[in-house]
C-alpha atoms as a PDB file:
ATOM      1  CA  MET A   1     -22.975 -56.613 -40.356  1.00  0.00           C
ATOM      2  CA  ASN A   2     -24.562 -54.931 -37.353  1.00  0.00           C
ATOM      3  CA  GLN A   3     -27.935 -53.355 -38.106  1.00  0.00           C
ATOM      4  CA  THR A   4     -28.922 -52.137 -34.652  1.00  0.00           C
ATOM      5  CA  THR A   5     -28.622 -48.414 -35.317  1.00  0.00           C
ATOM      6  CA  THR A   6     -31.315 -46.890 -37.510  1.00  0.00           C
ATOM      7  CA  THR A   7     -31.734 -43.193 -37.989  1.00  0.00           C
ATOM      8  CA  THR A   8     -34.217 -41.436 -40.211  1.00  0.00           C
ATOM      9  CA  GLY A   9     -33.437 -37.824 -40.914  1.00  0.00           C
ATOM     10  CA  PRO A  10     -35.717 -34.882 -41.630  1.00  0.00           C
ATOM     11  CA  GLN A  11     -37.638 -34.373 -44.862  1.00  0.00           C
ATOM     12  CA  ALA A  12     -35.321 -33.190 -47.624  1.00  0.00           C
ATOM     13  CA  GLU A  13     -37.692 -30.493 -48.901  1.00  0.00           C
ATOM     14  CA  ARG A  14     -38.003 -28.945 -45.445  1.00  0.00           C
ATOM     15  CA  ILE A  15     -34.246 -28.777 -44.971  1.00  0.00           C
ATOM     16  CA  GLN A  16     -33.644 -27.406 -48.457  1.00  0.00           C
ATOM     17  CA  SER A  17     -36.141 -24.615 -47.827  1.00  0.00           C
ATOM     18  CA  MET A  18     -34.792 -23.849 -44.359  1.00  0.00           C
ATOM     19  CA  PHE A  19     -31.193 -23.475 -45.490  1.00  0.00           C
ATOM     20  CA  GLY A  20     -32.303 -21.408 -48.449  1.00  0.00           C
ATOM     21  CA  GLU A  21     -33.918 -18.950 -46.034  1.00  0.00           C
ATOM     22  CA  ILE A  22     -30.824 -18.505 -43.831  1.00  0.00           C
ATOM     23  CA  ALA A  23     -28.150 -18.760 -46.544  1.00  0.00           C
ATOM     24  CA  GLY A  24     -27.512 -15.034 -46.835  1.00  0.00           C
ATOM     25  CA  ARG A  25     -26.361 -14.683 -43.210  1.00  0.00           C
ATOM     26  CA  TYR A  26     -25.250 -18.264 -42.540  1.00  0.00           C
ATOM     27  CA  ASP A  27     -21.515 -17.498 -42.428  1.00  0.00           C
ATOM     28  CA  LEU A  28     -21.971 -14.576 -40.061  1.00  0.00           C
ATOM     29  CA  ALA A  29     -24.152 -16.649 -37.727  1.00  0.00           C
ATOM     30  CA  ASN A  30     -21.651 -19.530 -37.710  1.00  0.00           C
ATOM     31  CA  THR A  31     -18.737 -17.265 -36.877  1.00  0.00           C
ATOM     32  CA  ILE A  32     -20.554 -15.529 -34.023  1.00  0.00           C
ATOM     33  CA  LEU A  33     -22.144 -18.659 -32.553  1.00  0.00           C
ATOM     34  CA  SER A  34     -18.904 -20.669 -32.561  1.00  0.00           C
ATOM     35  CA  ALA A  35     -16.531 -17.742 -31.933  1.00  0.00           C
ATOM     36  CA  GLY A  36     -14.835 -18.793 -35.164  1.00  0.00           C
ATOM     37  CA  ILE A  37     -13.749 -22.173 -33.832  1.00  0.00           C
ATOM     38  CA  HIS A  38     -15.527 -24.037 -36.648  1.00  0.00           C
ATOM     39  CA  HIS A  39     -12.666 -22.998 -38.943  1.00  0.00           C
ATOM     40  CA  LEU A  40     -10.187 -24.793 -36.674  1.00  0.00           C
ATOM     41  CA  TRP A  41     -12.399 -27.899 -36.694  1.00  0.00           C
ATOM     42  CA  ARG A  42     -12.330 -27.957 -40.491  1.00  0.00           C
ATOM     43  CA  LYS A  43      -8.548 -27.615 -40.551  1.00  0.00           C
ATOM     44  CA  SER A  44      -8.371 -30.609 -38.187  1.00  0.00           C
ATOM     45  CA  VAL A  45     -10.544 -32.674 -40.531  1.00  0.00           C
ATOM     46  CA  VAL A  46      -8.315 -31.914 -43.513  1.00  0.00           C
ATOM     47  CA  LYS A  47      -5.157 -32.710 -41.552  1.00  0.00           C
ATOM     48  CA  TRP A  48      -6.534 -36.031 -40.269  1.00  0.00           C
ATOM     49  CA  SER A  49      -7.712 -37.008 -43.747  1.00  0.00           C
ATOM     50  CA  GLY A  50      -4.130 -37.049 -44.990  1.00  0.00           C
ATOM     51  CA  ALA A  51      -5.142 -35.142 -48.144  1.00  0.00           C
ATOM     52  CA  ARG A  52      -2.063 -34.234 -50.159  1.00  0.00           C
ATOM     53  CA  ALA A  53      -1.006 -32.542 -53.359  1.00  0.00           C
ATOM     54  CA  GLY A  54      -2.547 -33.931 -56.523  1.00  0.00           C
ATOM     55  CA  GLN A  55      -5.485 -35.730 -54.919  1.00  0.00           C
ATOM     56  CA  ARG A  56      -9.182 -35.443 -55.826  1.00  0.00           C
ATOM     57  CA  VAL A  57     -11.625 -34.446 -53.093  1.00  0.00           C
ATOM     58  CA  LEU A  58     -15.416 -34.244 -53.001  1.00  0.00           C
ATOM     59  CA  ASP A  59     -16.973 -32.115 -50.267  1.00  0.00           C
ATOM     60  CA  CYS A  60     -20.730 -32.662 -49.911  1.00  0.00           C
ATOM     61  CA  ALA A  61     -23.153 -30.343 -48.125  1.00  0.00           C
ATOM     62  CA  THR A  62     -20.367 -27.827 -48.694  1.00  0.00           C
ATOM     63  CA  GLY A  63     -22.645 -24.879 -47.970  1.00  0.00           C
ATOM     64  CA  THR A  64     -20.686 -21.702 -48.649  1.00  0.00           C
ATOM     65  CA  GLY A  65     -17.550 -23.733 -49.344  1.00  0.00           C
ATOM     66  CA  ASP A  66     -15.430 -23.509 -46.193  1.00  0.00           C
ATOM     67  CA  LEU A  67     -14.332 -27.158 -46.025  1.00  0.00           C
ATOM     68  CA  ALA A  68     -13.831 -27.374 -49.798  1.00  0.00           C
ATOM     69  CA  ILE A  69     -11.516 -24.363 -49.520  1.00  0.00           C
ATOM     70  CA  GLU A  70      -9.474 -26.018 -46.768  1.00  0.00           C
ATOM     71  CA  PHE A  71      -9.130 -29.174 -48.849  1.00  0.00           C
ATOM     72  CA  LYS A  72      -8.046 -27.171 -51.909  1.00  0.00           C
ATOM     73  CA  LYS A  73      -5.248 -25.625 -49.872  1.00  0.00           C
ATOM     74  CA  ALA A  74      -4.076 -29.172 -49.052  1.00  0.00           C
ATOM     75  CA  VAL A  75      -4.242 -30.685 -52.556  1.00  0.00           C
ATOM     76  CA  GLY A  76      -2.868 -27.615 -54.340  1.00  0.00           C
ATOM     77  CA  SER A  77      -3.063 -26.639 -57.979  1.00  0.00           C
ATOM     78  CA  SER A  78      -2.309 -30.210 -59.057  1.00  0.00           C
ATOM     79  CA  GLY A  79      -5.290 -31.501 -57.113  1.00  0.00           C
ATOM     80  CA  ASP A  80      -8.990 -31.181 -57.762  1.00  0.00           C
ATOM     81  CA  VAL A  81     -11.789 -30.257 -55.359  1.00  0.00           C
ATOM     82  CA  ILE A  82     -15.508 -30.359 -56.067  1.00  0.00           C
ATOM     83  CA  GLY A  83     -18.005 -28.912 -53.610  1.00  0.00           C
ATOM     84  CA  THR A  84     -21.666 -29.890 -53.751  1.00  0.00           C
ATOM     85  CA  ASP A  85     -24.814 -28.909 -51.880  1.00  0.00           C
ATOM     86  CA  PHE A  86     -28.470 -29.627 -52.574  1.00  0.00           C
ATOM     87  CA  CYS A  87     -29.437 -26.055 -51.658  1.00  0.00           C
ATOM     88  CA  LYS A  88     -28.517 -23.627 -54.444  1.00  0.00           C
ATOM     89  CA  GLU A  89     -28.884 -20.587 -52.179  1.00  0.00           C
ATOM     90  CA  MET A  90     -26.234 -21.961 -49.818  1.00  0.00           C
ATOM     91  CA  LEU A  91     -23.863 -22.569 -52.741  1.00  0.00           C
ATOM     92  CA  ALA A  92     -24.277 -19.084 -54.188  1.00  0.00           C
ATOM     93  CA  PRO A  93     -21.438 -17.375 -52.224  1.00  0.00           C
ATOM     94  CA  ALA A  94     -18.990 -20.280 -52.548  1.00  0.00           C
ATOM     95  CA  PRO A  95     -17.376 -19.590 -55.957  1.00  0.00           C
ATOM     96  CA  ALA A  96     -16.563 -15.962 -55.117  1.00  0.00           C
ATOM     97  CA  LYS A  97     -15.242 -16.966 -51.691  1.00  0.00           C
ATOM     98  CA  ALA A  98     -12.839 -19.477 -53.273  1.00  0.00           C
ATOM     99  CA  GLU A  99     -11.854 -17.094 -56.054  1.00  0.00           C
ATOM    100  CA  LYS A 100     -11.036 -14.379 -53.528  1.00  0.00           C
ATOM    101  CA  GLN A 101      -8.411 -16.729 -52.079  1.00  0.00           C
ATOM    102  CA  GLY A 102      -7.060 -17.590 -55.512  1.00  0.00           C
ATOM    103  CA  LEU A 103      -8.425 -21.132 -55.383  1.00  0.00           C
ATOM    104  CA  ALA A 104      -9.999 -22.949 -58.331  1.00  0.00           C
ATOM    105  CA  ILE A 105     -12.853 -25.091 -56.978  1.00  0.00           C
ATOM    106  CA  HIS A 106     -15.807 -26.425 -58.928  1.00  0.00           C
ATOM    107  CA  PHE A 107     -19.160 -26.105 -57.168  1.00  0.00           C
ATOM    108  CA  GLU A 108     -22.408 -27.734 -58.250  1.00  0.00           C
ATOM    109  CA  GLN A 109     -25.822 -28.598 -56.859  1.00  0.00           C
ATOM    110  CA  ALA A 110     -26.168 -32.267 -55.915  1.00  0.00           C
ATOM    111  CA  ASP A 111     -27.872 -34.498 -53.338  1.00  0.00           C
ATOM    112  CA  VAL A 112     -25.507 -36.593 -51.192  1.00  0.00           C
ATOM    113  CA  THR A 113     -27.913 -39.553 -51.355  1.00  0.00           C
ATOM    114  CA  LYS A 114     -27.626 -39.719 -55.162  1.00  0.00           C
ATOM    115  CA  LEU A 115     -24.284 -38.295 -56.200  1.00  0.00           C
ATOM    116  CA  PRO A 116     -23.696 -37.797 -59.952  1.00  0.00           C
ATOM    117  CA  PHE A 117     -20.160 -39.202 -59.884  1.00  0.00           C
ATOM    118  CA  GLU A 118     -18.637 -42.522 -60.896  1.00  0.00           C
ATOM    119  CA  ASN A 119     -17.482 -45.164 -58.441  1.00  0.00           C
ATOM    120  CA  SER A 120     -13.973 -44.743 -57.008  1.00  0.00           C
ATOM    121  CA  SER A 121     -13.455 -41.336 -58.637  1.00  0.00           C
ATOM    122  CA  PHE A 122     -12.103 -39.482 -55.563  1.00  0.00           C
ATOM    123  CA  ASP A 123      -9.349 -40.002 -52.996  1.00  0.00           C
ATOM    124  CA  VAL A 124     -11.325 -38.305 -50.221  1.00  0.00           C
ATOM    125  CA  SER A 125     -14.971 -37.392 -49.702  1.00  0.00           C
ATOM    126  CA  SER A 126     -16.308 -35.322 -46.834  1.00  0.00           C
ATOM    127  CA  ILE A 127     -19.362 -33.779 -45.245  1.00  0.00           C
ATOM    128  CA  SER A 128     -19.387 -31.229 -42.435  1.00  0.00           C
ATOM    129  CA  PHE A 129     -22.421 -30.414 -40.281  1.00  0.00           C
ATOM    130  CA  GLY A 130     -24.629 -31.962 -42.926  1.00  0.00           C
ATOM    131  CA  ILE A 131     -25.117 -35.678 -42.336  1.00  0.00           C
ATOM    132  CA  ARG A 132     -27.671 -35.155 -39.564  1.00  0.00           C
ATOM    133  CA  ASN A 133     -29.779 -33.146 -42.040  1.00  0.00           C
ATOM    134  CA  VAL A 134     -29.914 -35.978 -44.586  1.00  0.00           C
ATOM    135  CA  GLN A 135     -33.224 -37.805 -44.823  1.00  0.00           C
ATOM    136  CA  ASP A 136     -31.424 -41.180 -45.065  1.00  0.00           C
ATOM    137  CA  PRO A 137     -27.992 -40.702 -43.452  1.00  0.00           C
ATOM    138  CA  VAL A 138     -26.874 -44.303 -44.012  1.00  0.00           C
ATOM    139  CA  LYS A 139     -27.589 -43.925 -47.724  1.00  0.00           C
ATOM    140  CA  GLY A 140     -25.669 -40.656 -47.723  1.00  0.00           C
ATOM    141  CA  LEU A 141     -22.684 -42.330 -46.072  1.00  0.00           C
ATOM    142  CA  SER A 142     -22.876 -45.166 -48.595  1.00  0.00           C
ATOM    143  CA  GLU A 143     -22.747 -42.679 -51.451  1.00  0.00           C
ATOM    144  CA  LEU A 144     -19.808 -40.850 -49.884  1.00  0.00           C
ATOM    145  CA  ALA A 145     -17.964 -44.189 -49.780  1.00  0.00           C
ATOM    146  CA  ARG A 146     -19.050 -45.317 -53.241  1.00  0.00           C
ATOM    147  CA  VAL A 147     -17.373 -42.415 -54.998  1.00  0.00           C
ATOM    148  CA  VAL A 148     -14.066 -42.921 -53.137  1.00  0.00           C
ATOM    149  CA  ARG A 149     -11.376 -45.301 -54.339  1.00  0.00           C
ATOM    150  CA  PRO A 150     -10.544 -48.410 -52.277  1.00  0.00           C
ATOM    151  CA  GLY A 151      -8.257 -47.372 -49.446  1.00  0.00           C
ATOM    152  CA  GLY A 152      -9.406 -43.761 -49.668  1.00  0.00           C
ATOM    153  CA  VAL A 153     -11.198 -42.042 -46.819  1.00  0.00           C
ATOM    154  CA  VAL A 154     -14.572 -40.542 -45.972  1.00  0.00           C
ATOM    155  CA  MET A 155     -14.403 -37.691 -43.458  1.00  0.00           C
ATOM    156  CA  VAL A 156     -17.372 -36.490 -41.407  1.00  0.00           C
ATOM    157  CA  LEU A 157     -17.517 -33.454 -39.121  1.00  0.00           C
ATOM    158  CA  GLU A 158     -20.628 -33.173 -36.993  1.00  0.00           C
ATOM    159  CA  PHE A 159     -21.955 -31.731 -33.766  1.00  0.00           C
ATOM    160  CA  GLY A 160     -22.561 -34.125 -30.891  1.00  0.00           C
ATOM    161  CA  GLN A 161     -23.294 -34.204 -27.205  1.00  0.00           C
ATOM    162  CA  PRO A 162     -20.509 -33.627 -24.677  1.00  0.00           C
ATOM    163  CA  ASN A 163     -20.314 -36.390 -22.073  1.00  0.00           C
ATOM    164  CA  ILE A 164     -18.095 -34.573 -19.568  1.00  0.00           C
ATOM    165  CA  PRO A 165     -19.967 -33.488 -16.408  1.00  0.00           C
ATOM    166  CA  GLY A 166     -20.199 -29.720 -16.224  1.00  0.00           C
ATOM    167  CA  VAL A 167     -19.356 -29.266 -19.893  1.00  0.00           C
ATOM    168  CA  GLN A 168     -22.481 -31.216 -20.794  1.00  0.00           C
ATOM    169  CA  GLN A 169     -24.748 -28.991 -18.709  1.00  0.00           C
ATOM    170  CA  ALA A 170     -23.105 -25.747 -19.844  1.00  0.00           C
ATOM    171  CA  PHE A 171     -23.332 -26.668 -23.517  1.00  0.00           C
ATOM    172  CA  ASP A 172     -26.920 -27.826 -23.113  1.00  0.00           C
ATOM    173  CA  PHE A 173     -27.869 -24.442 -21.611  1.00  0.00           C
ATOM    174  CA  TYR A 174     -26.062 -22.543 -24.376  1.00  0.00           C
ATOM    175  CA  SER A 175     -27.490 -24.613 -27.206  1.00  0.00           C
ATOM    176  CA  ARG A 176     -31.066 -24.558 -25.885  1.00  0.00           C
ATOM    177  CA  ARG A 177     -31.366 -21.033 -24.513  1.00  0.00           C
ATOM    178  CA  VAL A 178     -28.733 -18.910 -26.247  1.00  0.00           C
ATOM    179  CA  LEU A 179     -27.985 -20.352 -29.689  1.00  0.00           C
ATOM    180  CA  PRO A 180     -31.539 -20.207 -31.138  1.00  0.00           C
ATOM    181  CA  LYS A 181     -32.001 -16.616 -29.957  1.00  0.00           C
ATOM    182  CA  ILE A 182     -28.725 -15.319 -31.388  1.00  0.00           C
ATOM    183  CA  GLY A 183     -29.031 -17.360 -34.585  1.00  0.00           C
ATOM    184  CA  GLY A 184     -32.600 -16.172 -34.996  1.00  0.00           C
ATOM    185  CA  TRP A 185     -31.628 -12.557 -34.402  1.00  0.00           C
ATOM    186  CA  ILE A 186     -28.848 -12.695 -37.017  1.00  0.00           C
ATOM    187  CA  THR A 187     -30.819 -14.543 -39.703  1.00  0.00           C
ATOM    188  CA  GLY A 188     -34.400 -13.640 -38.854  1.00  0.00           C
ATOM    189  CA  ARG A 189     -35.221 -17.366 -38.684  1.00  0.00           C
ATOM    190  CA  PRO A 190     -35.154 -18.503 -35.016  1.00  0.00           C
ATOM    191  CA  GLN A 191     -37.066 -21.673 -35.902  1.00  0.00           C
ATOM    192  CA  ALA A 192     -34.162 -22.770 -38.102  1.00  0.00           C
ATOM    193  CA  TYR A 193     -31.735 -22.594 -35.190  1.00  0.00           C
ATOM    194  CA  GLU A 194     -34.194 -24.323 -32.891  1.00  0.00           C
ATOM    195  CA  TYR A 195     -34.243 -27.177 -35.405  1.00  0.00           C
ATOM    196  CA  LEU A 196     -30.435 -27.212 -35.725  1.00  0.00           C
ATOM    197  CA  GLN A 197     -30.073 -27.381 -31.941  1.00  0.00           C
ATOM    198  CA  ASN A 198     -32.672 -30.138 -31.553  1.00  0.00           C
ATOM    199  CA  SER A 199     -31.167 -32.208 -34.351  1.00  0.00           C
ATOM    200  CA  SER A 200     -27.646 -32.075 -32.927  1.00  0.00           C
ATOM    201  CA  ALA A 201     -28.948 -32.966 -29.459  1.00  0.00           C
ATOM    202  CA  LYS A 202     -30.554 -36.161 -30.791  1.00  0.00           C
ATOM    203  CA  PHE A 203     -28.204 -37.288 -33.546  1.00  0.00           C
ATOM    204  CA  PRO A 204     -25.935 -40.287 -32.808  1.00  0.00           C
ATOM    205  CA  CYS A 205     -22.329 -39.439 -31.995  1.00  0.00           C
ATOM    206  CA  ARG A 206     -19.115 -41.210 -30.938  1.00  0.00           C
ATOM    207  CA  GLU A 207     -19.473 -45.012 -31.090  1.00  0.00           C
ATOM    208  CA  GLU A 208     -23.090 -44.867 -32.264  1.00  0.00           C
ATOM    209  CA  PHE A 209     -22.164 -42.868 -35.340  1.00  0.00           C
ATOM    210  CA  VAL A 210     -19.203 -45.148 -36.048  1.00  0.00           C
ATOM    211  CA  GLU A 211     -21.683 -48.033 -35.953  1.00  0.00           C
ATOM    212  CA  MET A 212     -23.884 -46.190 -38.451  1.00  0.00           C
ATOM    213  CA  MET A 213     -20.925 -45.824 -40.804  1.00  0.00           C
ATOM    214  CA  MET A 214     -20.106 -49.516 -40.510  1.00  0.00           C
ATOM    215  CA  GLN A 215     -23.736 -50.400 -41.337  1.00  0.00           C
ATOM    216  CA  THR A 216     -23.059 -49.334 -44.910  1.00  0.00           C
ATOM    217  CA  GLY A 217     -20.722 -52.298 -45.397  1.00  0.00           C
ATOM    218  CA  GLN A 218     -18.394 -49.949 -47.291  1.00  0.00           C
ATOM    219  CA  PHE A 219     -15.630 -49.423 -44.751  1.00  0.00           C
ATOM    220  CA  GLU A 220     -12.617 -51.423 -43.602  1.00  0.00           C
ATOM    221  CA  SER A 221     -12.518 -49.367 -40.416  1.00  0.00           C
ATOM    222  CA  CYS A 222     -14.032 -46.270 -38.822  1.00  0.00           C
ATOM    223  CA  GLU A 223     -12.872 -44.161 -35.900  1.00  0.00           C
ATOM    224  CA  PHE A 224     -13.626 -40.831 -34.289  1.00  0.00           C
ATOM    225  CA  ARG A 225     -11.872 -37.994 -32.526  1.00  0.00           C
ATOM    226  CA  THR A 226     -13.358 -35.500 -30.097  1.00  0.00           C
ATOM    227  CA  LEU A 227     -13.232 -31.763 -30.717  1.00  0.00           C
ATOM    228  CA  SER A 228     -13.663 -29.004 -28.128  1.00  0.00           C
ATOM    229  CA  LEU A 229     -14.591 -31.305 -25.229  1.00  0.00           C
ATOM    230  CA  GLY A 230     -17.291 -33.079 -27.228  1.00  0.00           C
ATOM    231  CA  ILE A 231     -19.133 -30.158 -28.792  1.00  0.00           C
ATOM    232  CA  ALA A 232     -18.184 -31.650 -32.146  1.00  0.00           C
ATOM    233  CA  TYR A 233     -16.668 -34.877 -33.451  1.00  0.00           C
ATOM    234  CA  MET A 234     -14.813 -35.885 -36.567  1.00  0.00           C
ATOM    235  CA  TYR A 235     -15.010 -39.336 -38.078  1.00  0.00           C
ATOM    236  CA  LYS A 236     -12.752 -41.144 -40.516  1.00  0.00           C
ATOM    237  CA  GLY A 237     -13.793 -44.189 -42.517  1.00  0.00           C
ATOM    238  CA  VAL A 238     -11.324 -46.119 -44.671  1.00  0.00           C
ATOM    239  CA  VAL A 239     -13.091 -47.451 -47.762  1.00  0.00           C
ATOM    240  CA  ARG A 240     -12.947 -51.217 -48.301  1.00  0.00           C
ATOM    241  CA  THR A 241     -10.685 -52.633 -50.981  1.00  0.00           C
ATOM    242  CA  GLN A 242     -13.763 -54.388 -52.401  1.00  0.00           C
ATOM    243  CA  HIS A 243     -16.885 -52.220 -52.590  1.00  0.00           C
END
């Protein structure tokens, strides 16, 4: 097993506090900063996961519940979706948001590095825009795999760094100069968006993140797909038959 990629994330307490401070205007900031495209990215994750009626899904770092909601639409009333986040302020709007769409989703506070669920209890687990904020991302990925049945999948959606000339420079300018200012103006916490930009600029993506997933020893295979010219990436890991 290759152990060349090591990544240590930020301190959990710092991240928990930061997201608690911006939770009230997080959805508005996301929609403005991404022009709403993050909803399309989540739909792509659900489609690629192969989630279908009757399956059980766990969405970690669910925030205000957007990805959990998309998964619930896929698994239907016969399926079961649980959304977790370690920041209670981020979770607060999620139940009402799901209920407004007529969707029954259970939300609870939990840390992705120590999930309170039994082995092999879900068909799919996921995390969107959260793994780079985990203090030990490899441990988080291991937990995401542990709770999924053999042959099930772990789905990750995360920002990355475009590697197309021109796109790379344009996105770098936007993320460094524009994003923190607008995010700070909307939420009143510019330092939070400076952190979010810096973390996405440094976090492994493409093959390096696939390698991180494989370091867990929990996956038969891992692959990635590029979204919006490399602004974001989605990853799919198939859980080993013996884990």
